[in-house]
Amino acid sequence: MQLQTVRPNIVQSIRAYSVAELMAAAEQAGQHFLYANVANAQSKQEVLEGIADAFTFPAHFGKNLDALYDCMTDLVHRAGQQPGFVVVLEQLPDNPRFDRETREQLLDVFRDAADFWAERKVPFRCFYSFR
């Protein structure tokens, strides 16, 4: 898989790709690969904790959507020039404690992050799956 075949700033279902393909493509392109499997999470709080652990966010991470956005944008931006990102969110829950509206709010954070990085001409591709 070549990342050039995927828009540079997008949030989309992982359907057509495997995690291994995305990881290899990120490595080949010299981009950061961020992976979180949240199969054990049942609620928004648990999903945020799973992402924070997987992405090694700082201990002061607020475990809310605003803090997630800050960690995916400003915190990383201040670290210096970035080559690009391939983010995989695997096995997002589909239950009453993490319903469609909550999932869309979470994905909106990643869409906003994609826009943030697009303004800086840095590729940010996020792929997700539901269980």
Protein backbone atom coordinates (compact mmCIF):
# COMPACT_ATOMS: atom_id res chain seq x y z
CA MET A 1 0.00 0.00 0.00
CA GLN A 2 1.24 3.48 -0.86
CA LEU A 3 0.06 6.42 1.22
CA GLN A 4 -0.03 8.53 -1.93
CA THR A 5 -3.25 6.72 -2.87
CA VAL A 6 -5.00 8.06 0.25
CA ARG A 7 -5.85 11.74 0.70
CA PRO A 8 -3.24 13.33 2.98
CA ASN A 9 -5.65 14.66 5.62
CA ILE A 10 -8.59 12.33 6.16
CA VAL A 11 -10.46 10.27 8.72
CA GLN A 12 -11.93 7.10 7.24
CA SER A 13 -12.88 3.51 7.92
CA ILE A 14 -9.99 1.05 7.82
CA ARG A 15 -12.08 -1.35 5.68
CA ALA A 16 -9.80 -1.60 2.67
CA TYR A 17 -6.55 -1.80 4.65
CA SER A 18 -4.94 -3.93 7.31
CA VAL A 19 -3.11 -2.53 10.32
CA ALA A 20 0.09 -4.18 9.09
CA GLU A 21 -0.25 -2.46 5.68
CA LEU A 22 -0.81 0.93 7.29
CA MET A 23 2.12 0.48 9.65
CA ALA A 24 4.41 -0.52 6.77
CA ALA A 25 3.19 2.42 4.65
CA ALA A 26 3.83 4.87 7.50
CA GLU A 27 7.31 3.44 8.01
CA GLN A 28 8.06 3.60 4.28
CA ALA A 29 6.91 7.24 4.18
CA GLY A 30 8.86 8.11 7.33
CA GLN A 31 5.70 9.11 9.19
CA HIS A 32 4.57 8.53 12.77
CA PHE A 33 2.38 5.46 13.25
CA LEU A 34 -0.04 5.75 16.19
CA TYR A 35 -2.09 2.67 17.02
CA ALA A 36 -4.76 2.13 19.66
CA ASN A 37 -6.82 -1.02 20.02
CA VAL A 38 -9.67 -0.20 22.40
CA ALA A 39 -11.47 -3.56 22.20
CA ASN A 40 -11.83 -3.72 26.00
CA ALA A 41 -13.28 -0.22 26.33
CA GLN A 42 -17.00 0.18 26.95
CA SER A 43 -17.36 3.93 27.60
CA LYS A 44 -16.05 7.25 26.33
CA GLN A 45 -13.78 7.53 29.37
CA GLU A 46 -12.33 4.06 28.76
CA VAL A 47 -11.78 4.80 25.06
CA LEU A 48 -9.96 8.04 25.91
CA GLU A 49 -7.84 6.22 28.51
CA GLY A 50 -6.99 3.52 25.95
CA ILE A 51 -5.95 6.09 23.36
CA ALA A 52 -3.92 8.03 25.95
CA ASP A 53 -2.08 4.88 27.03
CA ALA A 54 -1.43 3.67 23.49
CA PHE A 55 -0.21 7.06 22.27
CA THR A 56 1.77 7.68 25.48
CA PHE A 57 0.12 11.00 26.28
CA PRO A 58 1.55 12.90 29.24
CA ALA A 59 0.35 12.05 32.74
CA HIS A 60 -1.55 15.35 32.93
CA PHE A 61 -3.83 14.32 30.00
CA GLY A 62 -7.32 15.45 31.00
CA LYS A 63 -9.17 12.45 29.51
CA ASN A 64 -11.69 14.59 27.65
CA LEU A 65 -12.13 15.48 23.98
CA ASP A 66 -10.54 18.94 24.30
CA ALA A 67 -7.45 17.40 25.91
CA LEU A 68 -7.33 14.77 23.16
CA TYR A 69 -7.35 17.50 20.52
CA ASP A 70 -4.60 19.40 22.34
CA CYS A 71 -2.42 16.29 22.54
CA MET A 72 -2.96 15.47 18.85
CA THR A 73 -2.16 19.02 17.71
CA ASP A 74 -0.55 21.70 19.86
CA LEU A 75 1.55 19.40 22.04
CA VAL A 76 3.01 17.60 19.02
CA HIS A 77 3.30 20.80 16.95
CA ARG A 78 5.43 22.42 19.67
CA ALA A 79 7.80 19.42 19.54
CA GLY A 80 9.08 20.57 16.13
CA GLN A 81 8.73 19.74 12.46
CA GLN A 82 6.55 16.68 11.86
CA PRO A 83 6.80 14.26 8.90
CA GLY A 84 3.17 13.14 8.98
CA PHE A 85 0.89 10.75 10.84
CA VAL A 86 -0.94 7.50 10.27
CA VAL A 87 -3.36 6.92 13.14
CA VAL A 88 -5.32 3.71 13.66
CA LEU A 89 -8.20 3.45 16.13
CA GLU A 90 -9.20 -0.19 16.17
CA GLN A 91 -12.29 -1.79 17.68
CA LEU A 92 -14.17 1.31 18.80
CA PRO A 93 -17.16 0.20 20.88
CA ASP A 94 -20.72 0.12 19.63
CA ASN A 95 -22.95 0.02 22.69
CA PRO A 96 -25.27 2.29 24.70
CA ARG A 97 -22.33 3.69 26.74
CA PHE A 98 -20.45 4.57 23.52
CA ASP A 99 -23.22 5.27 21.04
CA ARG A 100 -23.11 6.68 17.51
CA GLU A 101 -23.17 10.29 18.73
CA THR A 102 -20.22 9.69 21.07
CA ARG A 103 -18.26 7.91 18.32
CA GLU A 104 -18.88 10.83 15.95
CA GLN A 105 -17.72 13.31 18.60
CA LEU A 106 -14.51 11.31 19.01
CA LEU A 107 -13.96 11.08 15.26
CA ASP A 108 -14.67 14.82 14.95
CA VAL A 109 -11.63 15.45 17.17
CA PHE A 110 -9.52 13.49 14.71
CA ARG A 111 -11.14 15.33 11.77
CA ASP A 112 -10.28 18.63 13.45
CA ALA A 113 -6.73 17.38 14.01
CA ALA A 114 -6.53 16.45 10.31
CA ASP A 115 -7.59 20.02 9.45
CA PHE A 116 -5.02 21.45 11.89
CA TRP A 117 -2.22 19.48 10.26
CA ALA A 118 -3.51 20.20 6.73
CA GLU A 119 -3.09 23.93 7.42
CA ARG A 120 0.56 23.16 8.24
CA LYS A 121 0.94 20.96 5.14
CA VAL A 122 1.53 17.84 7.27
CA PRO A 123 -0.28 14.62 6.26
CA PHE A 124 -2.60 13.23 8.95
CA ARG A 125 -4.50 10.10 8.07
CA CYS A 126 -6.75 8.43 10.64
CA PHE A 127 -8.31 5.01 10.11
CA TYR A 128 -10.87 3.44 12.44
CA SER A 129 -12.91 0.31 12.93
CA PHE A 130 -15.90 -0.62 15.10
CA ARG A 131 -16.54 -3.87 16.81
